[in-house]
Amino acid sequence: MKEDMVEHNIFAEPLAQTIFLFIFVFTLVFAILQKSQILGKEKKQVDALIGFAIAMIVTSVGYASDIISRLIPFLAVSLVIIFVFMILLGFFFKEDSFDISAKMKVVFGIFIFIAVASAVLTIVGGWDYITGLFRGEFLLIENIIFFLVIGGAIAIVFAFDKKKS
């Protein structure tokens, strides 16, 4: 009897997932339009209509809905990790003195970019293509990347050598 109750979850229903996805996309687009004021100030109705239209389009395209539905758990886990990190970091600062330096913001930005890019590549299947580049499936591209990396390393060495002299 308990197994039947566990298997039936209202959030697992396709209609509920579509509604949640619609609300998420609508809210996100509306908030971005309100914050950026791309369409002008005090244009809430226009921002809401555009958010509604984009949310309808996204929920009607299966591939887009699938990508977003797969990214949401990554987003939730990432936010929890960042939240725990910020709590632990807060233990080392006095009250009202919590400030992150510009260098730390850049480092966090790089880590966040790498994490999100990796998650998106994994979800859309691009990661298999990239790993195929390094397994020799695409030998020409592998050689081009190799020469670019070697050329970049040589350029860095010469750039630092000129600064010293």
C-alpha atoms as a PDB file:
ATOM      1  CA  MET A   1       0.000   0.000   0.000  1.00  0.00           C
ATOM      2  CA  LYS A   2       2.836   2.429   0.825  1.00  0.00           C
ATOM      3  CA  GLU A   3       4.552   1.647  -2.482  1.00  0.00           C
ATOM      4  CA  ASP A   4       1.508   2.894  -4.409  1.00  0.00           C
ATOM      5  CA  MET A   5       1.616   6.159  -2.491  1.00  0.00           C
ATOM      6  CA  VAL A   6       5.319   6.630  -3.194  1.00  0.00           C
ATOM      7  CA  GLU A   7       5.001   5.928  -6.917  1.00  0.00           C
ATOM      8  CA  HIS A   8       2.167   8.399  -7.369  1.00  0.00           C
ATOM      9  CA  ASN A   9       3.741  11.807  -7.101  1.00  0.00           C
ATOM     10  CA  ILE A  10       1.966  14.853  -8.470  1.00  0.00           C
ATOM     11  CA  PHE A  11       5.293  16.442  -9.407  1.00  0.00           C
ATOM     12  CA  ALA A  12       6.192  13.480 -11.627  1.00  0.00           C
ATOM     13  CA  GLU A  13       3.139  13.989 -13.833  1.00  0.00           C
ATOM     14  CA  PRO A  14       3.928  15.403 -17.285  1.00  0.00           C
ATOM     15  CA  LEU A  15       1.284  18.126 -16.936  1.00  0.00           C
ATOM     16  CA  ALA A  16       2.742  19.304 -13.616  1.00  0.00           C
ATOM     17  CA  GLN A  17       6.262  19.325 -15.036  1.00  0.00           C
ATOM     18  CA  THR A  18       5.064  21.363 -18.012  1.00  0.00           C
ATOM     19  CA  ILE A  19       3.318  23.854 -15.744  1.00  0.00           C
ATOM     20  CA  PHE A  20       6.387  24.211 -13.520  1.00  0.00           C
ATOM     21  CA  LEU A  21       8.625  24.655 -16.565  1.00  0.00           C
ATOM     22  CA  PHE A  22       6.258  27.296 -17.960  1.00  0.00           C
ATOM     23  CA  ILE A  23       6.210  29.197 -14.661  1.00  0.00           C
ATOM     24  CA  PHE A  24      10.002  28.971 -14.376  1.00  0.00           C
ATOM     25  CA  VAL A  25      10.690  30.241 -17.909  1.00  0.00           C
ATOM     26  CA  PHE A  26       8.024  32.955 -17.689  1.00  0.00           C
ATOM     27  CA  THR A  27       9.361  34.218 -14.360  1.00  0.00           C
ATOM     28  CA  LEU A  28      12.967  34.124 -15.537  1.00  0.00           C
ATOM     29  CA  VAL A  29      12.291  35.989 -18.800  1.00  0.00           C
ATOM     30  CA  PHE A  30      10.031  38.511 -17.066  1.00  0.00           C
ATOM     31  CA  ALA A  31      12.640  39.178 -14.365  1.00  0.00           C
ATOM     32  CA  ILE A  32      15.425  39.610 -16.916  1.00  0.00           C
ATOM     33  CA  LEU A  33      13.328  42.014 -18.976  1.00  0.00           C
ATOM     34  CA  GLN A  34      12.340  43.986 -15.874  1.00  0.00           C
ATOM     35  CA  LYS A  35      15.906  44.201 -14.585  1.00  0.00           C
ATOM     36  CA  SER A  36      17.526  45.072 -17.919  1.00  0.00           C
ATOM     37  CA  GLN A  37      14.726  47.421 -19.036  1.00  0.00           C
ATOM     38  CA  ILE A  38      15.494  46.539 -22.655  1.00  0.00           C
ATOM     39  CA  LEU A  39      11.988  47.489 -23.750  1.00  0.00           C
ATOM     40  CA  GLY A  40      11.866  50.629 -21.612  1.00  0.00           C
ATOM     41  CA  LYS A  41      10.932  51.605 -18.096  1.00  0.00           C
ATOM     42  CA  GLU A  42       7.494  50.812 -16.667  1.00  0.00           C
ATOM     43  CA  LYS A  43       6.660  48.302 -19.431  1.00  0.00           C
ATOM     44  CA  LYS A  44       5.468  45.463 -17.194  1.00  0.00           C
ATOM     45  CA  GLN A  45       2.638  44.469 -19.543  1.00  0.00           C
ATOM     46  CA  VAL A  46       4.952  44.173 -22.550  1.00  0.00           C
ATOM     47  CA  ASP A  47       7.543  42.293 -20.496  1.00  0.00           C
ATOM     48  CA  ALA A  48       4.824  39.933 -19.252  1.00  0.00           C
ATOM     49  CA  LEU A  49       3.526  39.278 -22.783  1.00  0.00           C
ATOM     50  CA  ILE A  50       7.012  38.540 -24.086  1.00  0.00           C
ATOM     51  CA  GLY A  51       7.723  36.305 -21.084  1.00  0.00           C
ATOM     52  CA  PHE A  52       4.427  34.502 -21.711  1.00  0.00           C
ATOM     53  CA  ALA A  53       5.199  34.010 -25.407  1.00  0.00           C
ATOM     54  CA  ILE A  54       8.713  32.725 -24.789  1.00  0.00           C
ATOM     55  CA  ALA A  55       7.493  30.385 -22.035  1.00  0.00           C
ATOM     56  CA  MET A  56       4.817  29.015 -24.386  1.00  0.00           C
ATOM     57  CA  ILE A  57       7.384  28.442 -27.138  1.00  0.00           C
ATOM     58  CA  VAL A  58       9.860  26.754 -24.790  1.00  0.00           C
ATOM     59  CA  THR A  59       7.247  24.434 -23.279  1.00  0.00           C
ATOM     60  CA  SER A  60       5.979  23.480 -26.736  1.00  0.00           C
ATOM     61  CA  VAL A  61       9.431  22.450 -28.001  1.00  0.00           C
ATOM     62  CA  GLY A  62      10.337  19.087 -26.520  1.00  0.00           C
ATOM     63  CA  TYR A  63      14.093  19.395 -26.956  1.00  0.00           C
ATOM     64  CA  ALA A  64      14.259  22.766 -25.190  1.00  0.00           C
ATOM     65  CA  SER A  65      12.013  21.530 -22.378  1.00  0.00           C
ATOM     66  CA  ASP A  66      14.200  18.473 -21.930  1.00  0.00           C
ATOM     67  CA  ILE A  67      17.396  20.517 -21.680  1.00  0.00           C
ATOM     68  CA  ILE A  68      15.889  22.899 -19.128  1.00  0.00           C
ATOM     69  CA  SER A  69      14.381  20.040 -17.128  1.00  0.00           C
ATOM     70  CA  ARG A  70      17.790  18.400 -16.941  1.00  0.00           C
ATOM     71  CA  LEU A  71      19.561  21.650 -15.970  1.00  0.00           C
ATOM     72  CA  ILE A  72      17.235  22.485 -13.062  1.00  0.00           C
ATOM     73  CA  PRO A  73      18.608  19.760 -10.724  1.00  0.00           C
ATOM     74  CA  PHE A  74      22.149  20.946 -11.510  1.00  0.00           C
ATOM     75  CA  LEU A  75      21.087  24.495 -10.651  1.00  0.00           C
ATOM     76  CA  ALA A  76      19.520  23.415  -7.358  1.00  0.00           C
ATOM     77  CA  VAL A  77      22.542  21.378  -6.277  1.00  0.00           C
ATOM     78  CA  SER A  78      24.924  24.184  -7.296  1.00  0.00           C
ATOM     79  CA  LEU A  79      22.968  26.752  -5.297  1.00  0.00           C
ATOM     80  CA  VAL A  80      23.037  24.519  -2.220  1.00  0.00           C
ATOM     81  CA  ILE A  81      26.811  24.043  -2.577  1.00  0.00           C
ATOM     82  CA  ILE A  82      27.366  27.798  -2.981  1.00  0.00           C
ATOM     83  CA  PHE A  83      25.091  28.482  -0.002  1.00  0.00           C
ATOM     84  CA  VAL A  84      27.016  26.046   2.223  1.00  0.00           C
ATOM     85  CA  PHE A  85      30.314  27.532   1.031  1.00  0.00           C
ATOM     86  CA  MET A  86      29.108  31.055   1.858  1.00  0.00           C
ATOM     87  CA  ILE A  87      27.995  29.943   5.330  1.00  0.00           C
ATOM     88  CA  LEU A  88      31.385  28.355   5.989  1.00  0.00           C
ATOM     89  CA  LEU A  89      33.152  31.421   4.612  1.00  0.00           C
ATOM     90  CA  GLY A  90      31.046  33.611   6.902  1.00  0.00           C
ATOM     91  CA  PHE A  91      32.584  31.924   9.937  1.00  0.00           C
ATOM     92  CA  PHE A  92      35.915  33.571   9.126  1.00  0.00           C
ATOM     93  CA  PHE A  93      34.631  37.132   8.824  1.00  0.00           C
ATOM     94  CA  LYS A  94      33.377  39.561  11.407  1.00  0.00           C
ATOM     95  CA  GLU A  95      29.849  40.861  11.196  1.00  0.00           C
ATOM     96  CA  ASP A  96      29.469  43.568   8.488  1.00  0.00           C
ATOM     97  CA  SER A  97      32.945  42.867   7.085  1.00  0.00           C
ATOM     98  CA  PHE A  98      32.063  40.156   4.568  1.00  0.00           C
ATOM     99  CA  ASP A  99      33.514  41.343   1.274  1.00  0.00           C
ATOM    100  CA  ILE A 100      34.910  39.256  -1.553  1.00  0.00           C
ATOM    101  CA  SER A 101      37.820  40.729  -3.481  1.00  0.00           C
ATOM    102  CA  ALA A 102      37.650  41.276  -7.225  1.00  0.00           C
ATOM    103  CA  LYS A 103      40.133  38.448  -7.824  1.00  0.00           C
ATOM    104  CA  MET A 104      37.950  36.009  -5.879  1.00  0.00           C
ATOM    105  CA  LYS A 105      34.926  37.083  -7.940  1.00  0.00           C
ATOM    106  CA  VAL A 106      36.859  36.306 -11.122  1.00  0.00           C
ATOM    107  CA  VAL A 107      37.890  32.902  -9.746  1.00  0.00           C
ATOM    108  CA  PHE A 108      34.277  32.119  -8.759  1.00  0.00           C
ATOM    109  CA  GLY A 109      33.119  33.273 -12.180  1.00  0.00           C
ATOM    110  CA  ILE A 110      35.581  30.964 -13.928  1.00  0.00           C
ATOM    111  CA  PHE A 111      34.538  27.982 -11.781  1.00  0.00           C
ATOM    112  CA  ILE A 112      30.856  28.701 -12.356  1.00  0.00           C
ATOM    113  CA  PHE A 113      31.401  29.047 -16.108  1.00  0.00           C
ATOM    114  CA  ILE A 114      33.287  25.746 -16.279  1.00  0.00           C
ATOM    115  CA  ALA A 115      30.618  23.966 -14.201  1.00  0.00           C
ATOM    116  CA  VAL A 116      27.698  25.296 -16.241  1.00  0.00           C
ATOM    117  CA  ALA A 117      29.454  24.669 -19.556  1.00  0.00           C
ATOM    118  CA  SER A 118      30.260  21.101 -18.493  1.00  0.00           C
ATOM    119  CA  ALA A 119      26.673  20.497 -17.398  1.00  0.00           C
ATOM    120  CA  VAL A 120      25.230  21.852 -20.644  1.00  0.00           C
ATOM    121  CA  LEU A 121      27.708  19.894 -22.777  1.00  0.00           C
ATOM    122  CA  THR A 122      26.883  16.710 -20.886  1.00  0.00           C
ATOM    123  CA  ILE A 123      23.128  17.227 -21.202  1.00  0.00           C
ATOM    124  CA  VAL A 124      23.074  18.046 -24.928  1.00  0.00           C
ATOM    125  CA  GLY A 125      25.602  15.344 -25.832  1.00  0.00           C
ATOM    126  CA  GLY A 126      28.425  17.676 -26.806  1.00  0.00           C
ATOM    127  CA  TRP A 127      30.760  16.169 -24.236  1.00  0.00           C
ATOM    128  CA  ASP A 128      30.986  12.943 -26.284  1.00  0.00           C
ATOM    129  CA  TYR A 129      32.109  14.973 -29.291  1.00  0.00           C
ATOM    130  CA  ILE A 130      34.761  16.804 -27.260  1.00  0.00           C
ATOM    131  CA  THR A 131      36.127  13.607 -25.712  1.00  0.00           C
ATOM    132  CA  GLY A 132      36.145  12.113 -29.206  1.00  0.00           C
ATOM    133  CA  LEU A 133      38.539  14.874 -30.228  1.00  0.00           C
ATOM    134  CA  PHE A 134      41.085  13.644 -27.707  1.00  0.00           C
ATOM    135  CA  ARG A 135      40.579   9.940 -28.398  1.00  0.00           C
ATOM    136  CA  GLY A 136      41.707  10.322 -31.977  1.00  0.00           C
ATOM    137  CA  GLU A 137      38.315  10.074 -33.675  1.00  0.00           C
ATOM    138  CA  PHE A 138      38.899  13.474 -35.259  1.00  0.00           C
ATOM    139  CA  LEU A 139      42.636  13.431 -35.890  1.00  0.00           C
ATOM    140  CA  LEU A 140      42.821  16.707 -37.843  1.00  0.00           C
ATOM    141  CA  ILE A 141      41.086  18.725 -35.116  1.00  0.00           C
ATOM    142  CA  GLU A 142      43.248  17.064 -32.469  1.00  0.00           C
ATOM    143  CA  ASN A 143      46.407  18.130 -34.301  1.00  0.00           C
ATOM    144  CA  ILE A 144      45.153  21.696 -34.767  1.00  0.00           C
ATOM    145  CA  ILE A 145      44.366  21.985 -31.036  1.00  0.00           C
ATOM    146  CA  PHE A 146      47.779  20.538 -30.177  1.00  0.00           C
ATOM    147  CA  PHE A 147      49.599  23.086 -32.366  1.00  0.00           C
ATOM    148  CA  LEU A 148      47.503  25.959 -30.968  1.00  0.00           C
ATOM    149  CA  VAL A 149      48.353  24.937 -27.395  1.00  0.00           C
ATOM    150  CA  ILE A 150      52.068  24.624 -28.202  1.00  0.00           C
ATOM    151  CA  GLY A 151      52.013  27.962 -30.078  1.00  0.00           C
ATOM    152  CA  GLY A 152      50.241  29.636 -27.161  1.00  0.00           C
ATOM    153  CA  ALA A 153      52.783  28.289 -24.695  1.00  0.00           C
ATOM    154  CA  ILE A 154      55.669  29.559 -26.837  1.00  0.00           C
ATOM    155  CA  ALA A 155      53.991  32.981 -27.168  1.00  0.00           C
ATOM    156  CA  ILE A 156      53.564  33.209 -23.394  1.00  0.00           C
ATOM    157  CA  VAL A 157      57.214  32.312 -22.817  1.00  0.00           C
ATOM    158  CA  PHE A 158      58.384  34.982 -25.280  1.00  0.00           C
ATOM    159  CA  ALA A 159      55.994  37.582 -23.835  1.00  0.00           C
ATOM    160  CA  PHE A 160      57.319  37.068 -20.311  1.00  0.00           C
ATOM    161  CA  ASP A 161      60.906  36.947 -21.586  1.00  0.00           C
ATOM    162  CA  LYS A 162      60.537  40.409 -23.215  1.00  0.00           C
ATOM    163  CA  LYS A 163      59.092  41.910 -20.020  1.00  0.00           C
ATOM    164  CA  LYS A 164      62.082  40.741 -17.974  1.00  0.00           C
ATOM    165  CA  SER A 165      64.647  42.172 -20.383  1.00  0.00           C
END
